[in-house]
């Protein structure tokens, strides 16, 4: 017999024992460790038989398992041995399907599903605790995020429009989704983990996804909670610092030989921004900012406003590029950095790697784009944020921009 057959039966048995062990360990249920093991193996056997006989064997096996589980549960409930419920019954049907999937599909996928079933069964109290701690606002925010991300975003055209061929409805709406996701994520993180943990996670996540979206989100929120300006500034500073780290990672991926040569000036700026974050964290000790007091945790209106602003900046950048062309590289870098550092970073790294752009010019373009992005985010805070937040962000970003300007003017040429 083919060894793969034994492997399939062994994997099915192991997954069944795993889920059955979890059910046996908990309260009395319809099925335990032996039942789940046999159900999963039964699914694998039916799938093996279906190959020479036909797929009807798997369907018949599913019906047989469903009937036995229903009858067994009914008898035990009538006898008062277990509380009524469908979790174990559904788990048994899923594990039968997992056993069949071990044979008919890829084993790793079946293992993932089987392991996921065991985790879901074991995390009953934790999951219920999460659900009970979520209020109407959080649920409304989650539904809003699902609507704009999974319903609206996929149907928008993924093509460019306009005179300069840069306005992509799907990409612009993606910025709206990012802002809503960051707002909602930081709101829930604050609820569950407290103000400081929520700020740290919000800043790190924002820097990895979009530091600009994070800045706008917290700027809007600061108007309703000015007493949390220090913590909001910390989130924005962390996000901008992580964004600079992301630039280094992108250069390392595209042009790994370039990064060691240009790393020193960026390391200086990164150190200054990290020091600012440390100072803000120290100043925010013992404070409990109410950054999440909002009627709309998703901040959908603010996100849509920023989406329109983002589209306007894209159009302006494209117009400037069309007028300046290749002669104004630094102008292009500064304008490109207003909305997105990734594009200018990756394109510049590619040009330097290909020898079409001088290394010294390239790193200065990337740094200028980063400073331009800080200026744009500072302007967004000035427009959307509370006065306390504007003052703090002006100091933090001002120090960073001044440091970057000194680096551009005083750092010796790199070749």
Protein backbone atom coordinates (compact mmCIF):
# COMPACT_ATOMS: atom_id res chain seq x y z
CA UNK A 1 0.00 0.00 0.00
CA UNK A 2 1.16 3.53 -0.79
CA UNK A 3 2.85 5.11 2.27
CA UNK A 4 0.87 8.31 1.68
CA UNK A 5 -2.26 6.44 2.77
CA UNK A 6 -0.79 5.74 6.18
CA UNK A 7 0.38 9.32 6.44
CA UNK A 8 -3.12 10.60 5.71
CA UNK A 9 -4.71 8.30 8.29
CA UNK A 10 -2.08 9.25 10.86
CA UNK A 11 -2.64 12.98 10.36
CA UNK A 12 -6.42 12.54 10.56
CA UNK A 13 -6.08 10.51 13.75
CA UNK A 14 -3.79 13.12 15.31
CA UNK A 15 -6.14 16.00 14.52
CA UNK A 16 -9.12 14.09 15.84
CA UNK A 17 -7.30 13.28 19.07
CA UNK A 18 -6.33 16.92 19.47
CA UNK A 19 -9.87 18.25 19.19
CA UNK A 20 -11.29 15.35 21.16
CA UNK A 21 -8.81 15.96 23.95
CA UNK A 22 -10.00 19.54 24.24
CA UNK A 23 -13.65 18.44 24.41
CA UNK A 24 -12.84 15.74 26.96
CA UNK A 25 -10.95 18.23 29.10
CA UNK A 26 -13.92 20.61 29.26
CA UNK A 27 -17.46 20.07 30.37
CA UNK A 28 -19.40 16.93 29.32
CA UNK A 29 -20.33 17.00 25.65
CA UNK A 30 -21.81 14.78 22.99
CA UNK A 31 -18.41 13.62 21.73
CA UNK A 32 -15.05 13.11 23.43
CA UNK A 33 -11.52 12.14 22.51
CA UNK A 34 -12.34 8.72 21.07
CA UNK A 35 -15.39 9.92 19.15
CA UNK A 36 -13.59 12.85 17.52
CA UNK A 37 -10.65 10.64 16.60
CA UNK A 38 -12.92 8.09 14.91
CA UNK A 39 -15.00 10.78 13.17
CA UNK A 40 -11.89 12.38 11.65
CA UNK A 41 -10.43 9.02 10.59
CA UNK A 42 -13.83 8.09 9.16
CA UNK A 43 -13.69 11.23 7.02
CA UNK A 44 -10.25 10.26 5.73
CA UNK A 45 -11.35 6.70 4.97
CA UNK A 46 -14.44 7.91 3.10
CA UNK A 47 -12.29 10.27 1.06
CA UNK A 48 -9.91 7.44 0.20
CA UNK A 49 -12.82 5.25 -0.86
CA UNK A 50 -14.27 8.04 -2.97
CA UNK A 51 -11.32 7.95 -5.34
CA UNK A 52 -12.13 4.51 -6.80
CA UNK A 53 -15.87 4.54 -6.01
CA UNK A 54 -17.10 8.12 -6.32
CA UNK A 55 -17.68 11.31 -4.37
CA UNK A 56 -21.05 10.14 -3.07
CA UNK A 57 -19.18 8.17 -0.37
CA UNK A 58 -17.99 11.40 1.29
CA UNK A 59 -21.48 12.89 1.18
CA UNK A 60 -23.03 9.73 2.62
CA UNK A 61 -20.45 9.69 5.40
CA UNK A 62 -21.25 13.30 6.28
CA UNK A 63 -24.95 12.50 6.53
CA UNK A 64 -24.22 9.47 8.70
CA UNK A 65 -22.04 11.49 11.09
CA UNK A 66 -24.66 14.25 11.28
CA UNK A 67 -27.41 11.76 12.08
CA UNK A 68 -25.39 10.01 14.80
CA UNK A 69 -24.35 13.30 16.42
CA UNK A 70 -27.91 14.60 16.44
CA UNK A 71 -29.35 11.39 17.88
CA UNK A 72 -26.59 11.09 20.47
CA UNK A 73 -27.01 14.69 21.56
CA UNK A 74 -30.77 14.37 21.81
CA UNK A 75 -30.51 11.27 24.01
CA UNK A 76 -27.97 12.87 26.36
CA UNK A 77 -29.94 16.08 26.65
CA UNK A 78 -33.11 14.15 27.49
CA UNK A 79 -31.16 12.26 30.15
CA UNK A 80 -29.88 15.55 31.60
CA UNK A 81 -26.23 14.61 31.08
CA UNK A 82 -25.28 17.70 29.03
CA UNK A 83 -26.60 21.19 28.35
CA UNK A 84 -28.14 21.77 24.93
CA UNK A 85 -25.86 23.41 22.39
CA UNK A 86 -24.54 23.05 18.86
CA UNK A 87 -20.82 23.76 19.26
CA UNK A 88 -19.66 20.16 19.69
CA UNK A 89 -22.02 18.92 17.00
CA UNK A 90 -20.73 21.46 14.50
CA UNK A 91 -17.15 20.67 15.53
CA UNK A 92 -17.74 16.98 14.81
CA UNK A 93 -19.00 17.77 11.31
CA UNK A 94 -16.06 20.08 10.67
CA UNK A 95 -13.60 17.42 11.82
CA UNK A 96 -15.19 14.88 9.51
CA UNK A 97 -14.62 17.36 6.69
CA UNK A 98 -11.05 17.89 7.92
CA UNK A 99 -10.43 14.15 7.74
CA UNK A 100 -11.68 14.14 4.15
CA UNK A 101 -9.61 17.21 3.34
CA UNK A 102 -6.45 15.45 4.52
CA UNK A 103 -6.92 13.08 1.59
CA UNK A 104 -8.58 15.27 -1.03
CA UNK A 105 -6.65 18.54 -0.52
CA UNK A 106 -3.32 19.66 0.89
CA UNK A 107 -2.49 18.29 4.32
CA UNK A 108 -1.15 21.64 5.66
CA UNK A 109 -4.51 23.30 4.98
CA UNK A 110 -6.34 20.51 6.79
CA UNK A 111 -3.94 20.72 9.73
CA UNK A 112 -4.50 24.47 9.92
CA UNK A 113 -8.28 24.05 10.03
CA UNK A 114 -8.12 21.23 12.58
CA UNK A 115 -5.78 23.20 14.81
CA UNK A 116 -8.01 26.24 14.44
CA UNK A 117 -11.02 24.24 15.60
CA UNK A 118 -9.15 23.16 18.74
CA UNK A 119 -8.13 26.75 19.46
CA UNK A 120 -11.65 28.11 18.97
CA UNK A 121 -13.11 25.45 21.27
CA UNK A 122 -10.52 26.14 23.95
CA UNK A 123 -10.82 29.94 23.78
CA UNK A 124 -14.52 30.03 24.57
CA UNK A 125 -14.21 32.16 27.72
CA UNK A 126 -11.64 34.52 26.19
CA UNK A 127 -13.72 35.10 23.06
CA UNK A 128 -16.89 35.66 25.07
CA UNK A 129 -14.96 38.08 27.26
CA UNK A 130 -13.90 40.09 24.21
CA UNK A 131 -17.45 40.20 22.86
CA UNK A 132 -18.88 41.30 26.20
CA UNK A 133 -16.36 44.13 26.52
CA UNK A 134 -17.26 45.55 23.12
CA UNK A 135 -20.01 48.14 23.22
CA UNK A 136 -22.39 49.45 20.59
CA UNK A 137 -19.83 51.99 19.35
CA UNK A 138 -17.18 49.36 18.73
CA UNK A 139 -19.61 47.04 16.95
CA UNK A 140 -20.81 49.92 14.78
CA UNK A 141 -17.20 50.77 13.95
CA UNK A 142 -16.40 47.17 13.02
CA UNK A 143 -19.43 47.00 10.73
CA UNK A 144 -18.38 50.28 9.14
CA UNK A 145 -14.89 48.93 8.49
CA UNK A 146 -16.30 45.74 6.97
CA UNK A 147 -18.59 47.80 4.74
CA UNK A 148 -15.93 50.11 3.33
CA UNK A 149 -13.16 47.48 3.12
CA UNK A 150 -14.96 44.34 1.96
CA UNK A 151 -18.01 45.73 0.16
CA UNK A 152 -17.11 49.11 -1.32
CA UNK A 153 -13.35 48.84 -1.93
CA UNK A 154 -13.40 45.71 -4.17
CA UNK A 155 -16.02 47.16 -6.54
CA UNK A 156 -14.23 50.46 -7.14
CA UNK A 157 -12.36 50.65 -10.46
CA UNK A 158 -8.65 49.94 -10.14
CA UNK A 159 -7.51 52.28 -12.87
CA UNK A 160 -6.36 55.85 -13.12
CA UNK A 161 -8.36 58.84 -14.34
CA UNK A 162 -7.83 62.56 -14.87
CA UNK A 163 -5.58 64.74 -17.00
CA UNK A 164 -2.41 63.38 -15.42
CA UNK A 165 -3.67 59.81 -15.15
CA UNK A 166 -3.00 59.51 -11.40
CA UNK A 167 -6.41 59.46 -9.69
CA UNK A 168 -7.14 55.82 -8.91
CA UNK A 169 -10.49 55.46 -7.06
CA UNK A 170 -9.52 52.17 -5.43
CA UNK A 171 -6.17 53.46 -4.19
CA UNK A 172 -7.75 56.66 -2.85
CA UNK A 173 -10.49 54.73 -1.06
CA UNK A 174 -7.82 52.45 0.36
CA UNK A 175 -6.52 55.48 2.26
CA UNK A 176 -10.01 55.88 3.74
CA UNK A 177 -9.95 52.23 4.79
CA UNK A 178 -6.52 52.68 6.38
CA UNK A 179 -7.64 55.67 8.42
CA UNK A 180 -10.80 53.90 9.61
CA UNK A 181 -8.84 50.75 10.46
CA UNK A 182 -6.20 52.64 12.44
CA UNK A 183 -8.82 54.69 14.29
CA UNK A 184 -10.84 51.63 15.20
CA UNK A 185 -7.80 49.52 16.06
CA UNK A 186 -6.34 52.13 18.39
CA UNK A 187 -9.77 52.65 19.97
CA UNK A 188 -10.13 48.96 20.79
CA UNK A 189 -6.50 48.67 21.89
CA UNK A 190 -7.05 51.52 24.32
CA UNK A 191 -10.19 49.89 25.69
CA UNK A 192 -8.48 46.56 26.31
CA UNK A 193 -4.88 47.47 27.08
CA UNK A 194 -5.02 50.96 28.51
CA UNK A 195 -3.87 54.32 27.27
CA UNK A 196 -0.12 53.70 27.06
CA UNK A 197 -0.35 50.29 25.41
CA UNK A 198 -2.97 51.63 23.02
CA UNK A 199 -0.72 54.53 22.07
CA UNK A 200 2.30 52.28 21.52
CA UNK A 201 0.41 49.80 19.38
CA UNK A 202 -1.37 52.54 17.49
CA UNK A 203 1.93 54.24 16.68
CA UNK A 204 3.71 51.07 15.60
CA UNK A 205 0.79 49.90 13.48
CA UNK A 206 0.37 53.35 12.00
CA UNK A 207 4.04 53.55 11.07
CA UNK A 208 3.94 50.16 9.39
CA UNK A 209 0.81 50.96 7.39
CA UNK A 210 0.54 54.75 7.01
CA UNK A 211 2.02 57.31 9.36
CA UNK A 212 0.11 60.01 7.50
CA UNK A 213 -3.22 58.29 8.13
CA UNK A 214 -2.30 57.83 11.78
CA UNK A 215 -1.45 61.51 12.13
CA UNK A 216 -4.75 62.60 10.63
CA UNK A 217 -6.73 60.16 12.78
CA UNK A 218 -5.20 61.32 16.06
CA UNK A 219 -5.31 64.96 15.06
CA UNK A 220 -9.06 64.75 14.55
CA UNK A 221 -9.50 62.86 17.79
CA UNK A 222 -7.52 65.41 19.79
CA UNK A 223 -10.22 68.03 19.24
CA UNK A 224 -12.55 66.01 21.47
CA UNK A 225 -9.86 65.10 24.02
CA UNK A 226 -7.32 67.94 24.27
CA UNK A 227 -6.09 66.59 27.61
CA UNK A 228 -4.60 63.66 25.70
CA UNK A 229 -2.39 65.84 23.48
CA UNK A 230 0.85 64.44 24.91
CA UNK A 231 -0.17 60.84 24.28
CA UNK A 232 -1.50 61.69 20.81
CA UNK A 233 1.82 63.37 20.01
CA UNK A 234 3.60 60.21 21.16
CA UNK A 235 1.51 58.08 18.79
CA UNK A 236 2.24 60.41 15.88
CA UNK A 237 5.96 60.55 16.71
CA UNK A 238 6.22 56.75 16.99
CA UNK A 239 4.42 56.31 13.67
CA UNK A 240 6.76 58.75 11.93
CA UNK A 241 9.81 57.04 13.46
CA UNK A 242 8.62 53.60 12.33
CA UNK A 243 7.98 55.04 8.86
CA UNK A 244 11.66 56.03 8.68
CA UNK A 245 12.63 52.49 9.66
CA UNK A 246 10.36 51.21 6.89
CA UNK A 247 12.28 53.34 4.39
CA UNK A 248 15.50 51.60 5.41
CA UNK A 249 13.90 48.19 5.02
CA UNK A 250 12.66 49.08 1.53
CA UNK A 251 16.12 50.23 0.46
CA UNK A 252 17.65 47.07 1.92
CA UNK A 253 15.27 44.94 -0.14
CA UNK A 254 15.65 46.81 -3.43
CA UNK A 255 19.32 47.81 -3.23
CA UNK A 256 21.06 46.04 -0.33
CA UNK A 257 24.51 47.27 -1.33
CA UNK A 258 23.33 50.88 -1.13
CA UNK A 259 21.96 50.84 2.42
CA UNK A 260 25.30 50.60 4.33
CA UNK A 261 26.64 53.64 2.47
CA UNK A 262 23.68 55.91 3.15
CA UNK A 263 22.69 54.55 6.57
CA UNK A 264 24.71 57.01 8.75
CA UNK A 265 22.74 60.22 8.00
CA UNK A 266 19.44 58.38 8.31
CA UNK A 267 20.61 56.83 11.58
CA UNK A 268 21.23 60.31 12.98
CA UNK A 269 17.71 61.45 12.11
CA UNK A 270 16.27 58.19 13.44
CA UNK A 271 18.12 58.67 16.72
CA UNK A 272 16.74 62.21 17.11
CA UNK A 273 13.17 61.03 16.48
CA UNK A 274 13.56 58.07 18.84
CA UNK A 275 14.83 60.44 21.53
CA UNK A 276 11.73 62.60 21.01
CA UNK A 277 9.54 59.54 21.49
CA UNK A 278 11.36 58.69 24.71
CA UNK A 279 10.85 62.21 26.07
CA UNK A 280 7.16 62.15 25.17
CA UNK A 281 6.77 58.77 26.83
CA UNK A 282 8.38 60.15 29.98
CA UNK A 283 6.15 63.22 29.98
CA UNK A 284 3.07 61.05 29.49
CA UNK A 285 3.71 58.92 32.56
CA UNK A 286 0.75 58.64 34.89
CA UNK A 287 -1.59 60.35 32.45
CA UNK A 288 -4.80 58.79 31.23
CA UNK A 289 -5.75 60.55 28.01
CA UNK A 290 -9.27 60.10 26.74
CA UNK A 291 -8.25 59.66 23.15
CA UNK A 292 -11.12 57.33 22.41
CA UNK A 293 -14.11 59.35 23.58
CA UNK A 294 -15.91 59.59 20.29
CA UNK A 295 -19.36 58.99 18.92
CA UNK A 296 -17.76 57.35 15.89
CA UNK A 297 -14.68 55.22 16.74
CA UNK A 298 -14.16 54.60 13.02
CA UNK A 299 -13.93 58.37 12.29
CA UNK A 300 -15.47 57.76 8.86
CA UNK A 301 -16.24 61.41 8.10
CA UNK A 302 -12.67 62.49 8.84
CA UNK A 303 -11.37 59.60 6.74
CA UNK A 304 -13.45 60.65 3.75
CA UNK A 305 -12.27 64.25 4.10
CA UNK A 306 -8.68 63.09 4.14
CA UNK A 307 -9.32 60.83 1.13
CA UNK A 308 -10.40 63.90 -0.83
CA UNK A 309 -7.36 65.81 0.41
CA UNK A 310 -5.12 62.91 -0.55
CA UNK A 311 -6.57 62.86 -4.07
CA UNK A 312 -5.98 66.59 -4.38
CA UNK A 313 -2.34 66.23 -3.36
CA UNK A 314 -1.84 63.39 -5.83
CA UNK A 315 -3.18 65.57 -8.60
CA UNK A 316 -0.94 68.46 -7.53
CA UNK A 317 2.15 66.24 -7.41
CA UNK A 318 1.43 64.91 -10.89
CA UNK A 319 1.00 68.42 -12.25
CA UNK A 320 4.30 69.51 -10.69
CA UNK A 321 6.10 66.50 -12.13
CA UNK A 322 4.74 67.28 -15.57
CA UNK A 323 6.10 70.84 -15.38
CA UNK A 324 9.47 70.14 -13.77
CA UNK A 325 10.31 66.80 -15.39
CA UNK A 326 13.73 65.26 -14.67
CA UNK A 327 15.37 68.66 -14.22
CA UNK A 328 13.82 69.24 -10.84
CA UNK A 329 14.66 65.99 -9.05
CA UNK A 330 14.65 67.53 -5.59
CA UNK A 331 11.40 69.34 -6.29
CA UNK A 332 9.85 66.08 -7.43
CA UNK A 333 11.17 64.29 -4.35
CA UNK A 334 9.81 66.95 -2.04
CA UNK A 335 6.40 66.93 -3.71
CA UNK A 336 6.24 63.14 -3.88
CA UNK A 337 7.07 62.83 -0.21
CA UNK A 338 4.03 64.90 0.71
CA UNK A 339 1.68 61.96 0.28
CA UNK A 340 3.81 58.84 0.03
CA UNK A 341 7.45 58.05 0.79
CA UNK A 342 7.35 54.50 -0.50
CA UNK A 343 7.16 55.37 -4.20
CA UNK A 344 10.02 57.87 -4.19
CA UNK A 345 12.15 55.60 -1.97
CA UNK A 346 11.77 52.53 -4.14
CA UNK A 347 12.16 54.34 -7.46
CA UNK A 348 15.26 56.24 -6.26
CA UNK A 349 16.85 53.06 -4.89
CA UNK A 350 16.28 51.34 -8.22
CA UNK A 351 17.84 54.23 -10.17
CA UNK A 352 20.89 54.32 -7.87
CA UNK A 353 21.31 50.56 -8.12
CA UNK A 354 21.13 50.72 -11.92
CA UNK A 355 23.72 53.49 -12.03
CA UNK A 356 21.31 56.01 -13.54
CA UNK A 357 21.41 58.28 -10.49
CA UNK A 358 24.30 59.41 -8.33
CA UNK A 359 24.30 57.86 -4.85
CA UNK A 360 24.73 61.23 -3.14
CA UNK A 361 21.80 62.68 -5.05
CA UNK A 362 19.68 59.63 -4.33
CA UNK A 363 19.96 59.61 -0.53
CA UNK A 364 19.35 63.35 -0.40
CA UNK A 365 16.19 62.92 -2.48
CA UNK A 366 14.89 60.23 -0.10
CA UNK A 367 15.72 62.31 2.97
CA UNK A 368 14.09 65.39 1.44
CA UNK A 369 10.97 63.33 0.75
CA UNK A 370 10.92 62.25 4.40
CA UNK A 371 11.20 65.84 5.61
CA UNK A 372 8.50 66.86 3.16
CA UNK A 373 6.26 64.16 4.60
CA UNK A 374 6.85 65.51 8.10
CA UNK A 375 5.91 69.00 6.94
CA UNK A 376 2.72 67.69 5.33
CA UNK A 377 1.76 65.80 8.48
CA UNK A 378 2.49 68.86 10.57
CA UNK A 379 0.21 70.90 8.32
CA UNK A 380 -2.52 68.28 8.72
CA UNK A 381 -2.23 68.51 12.50
CA UNK A 382 -2.36 72.31 12.30
CA UNK A 383 -5.53 72.09 10.22
CA UNK A 384 -7.33 69.27 12.00
CA UNK A 385 -5.89 69.02 15.51
CA UNK A 386 -6.36 70.81 18.80
CA UNK A 387 -4.07 73.71 19.73
CA UNK A 388 -2.27 71.66 22.40
CA UNK A 389 -1.49 68.94 19.89
CA UNK A 390 -0.35 71.47 17.29
CA UNK A 391 2.15 72.98 19.70
CA UNK A 392 3.65 69.64 20.72
CA UNK A 393 3.83 68.23 17.20
CA UNK A 394 5.38 71.49 15.99
CA UNK A 395 8.24 71.04 18.47
CA UNK A 396 8.81 67.34 17.69
CA UNK A 397 8.59 67.71 13.91
CA UNK A 398 10.48 71.01 14.02
CA UNK A 399 13.46 69.35 15.68
CA UNK A 400 13.35 66.49 13.16
CA UNK A 401 13.08 68.82 10.14
CA UNK A 402 15.90 71.03 11.46
CA UNK A 403 18.09 67.95 11.95
CA UNK A 404 17.31 66.76 8.44
CA UNK A 405 18.04 70.18 6.96
CA UNK A 406 21.43 70.23 8.68
CA UNK A 407 22.17 66.76 7.35
CA UNK A 408 21.32 67.86 3.81
CA UNK A 409 23.49 70.92 4.07
CA UNK A 410 26.47 69.69 6.07
CA UNK A 411 26.84 65.97 5.41
CA UNK A 412 29.78 65.27 3.11
CA UNK A 413 29.13 63.75 -0.31
CA UNK A 414 28.59 60.00 -0.38
CA UNK A 415 29.88 57.97 -3.28
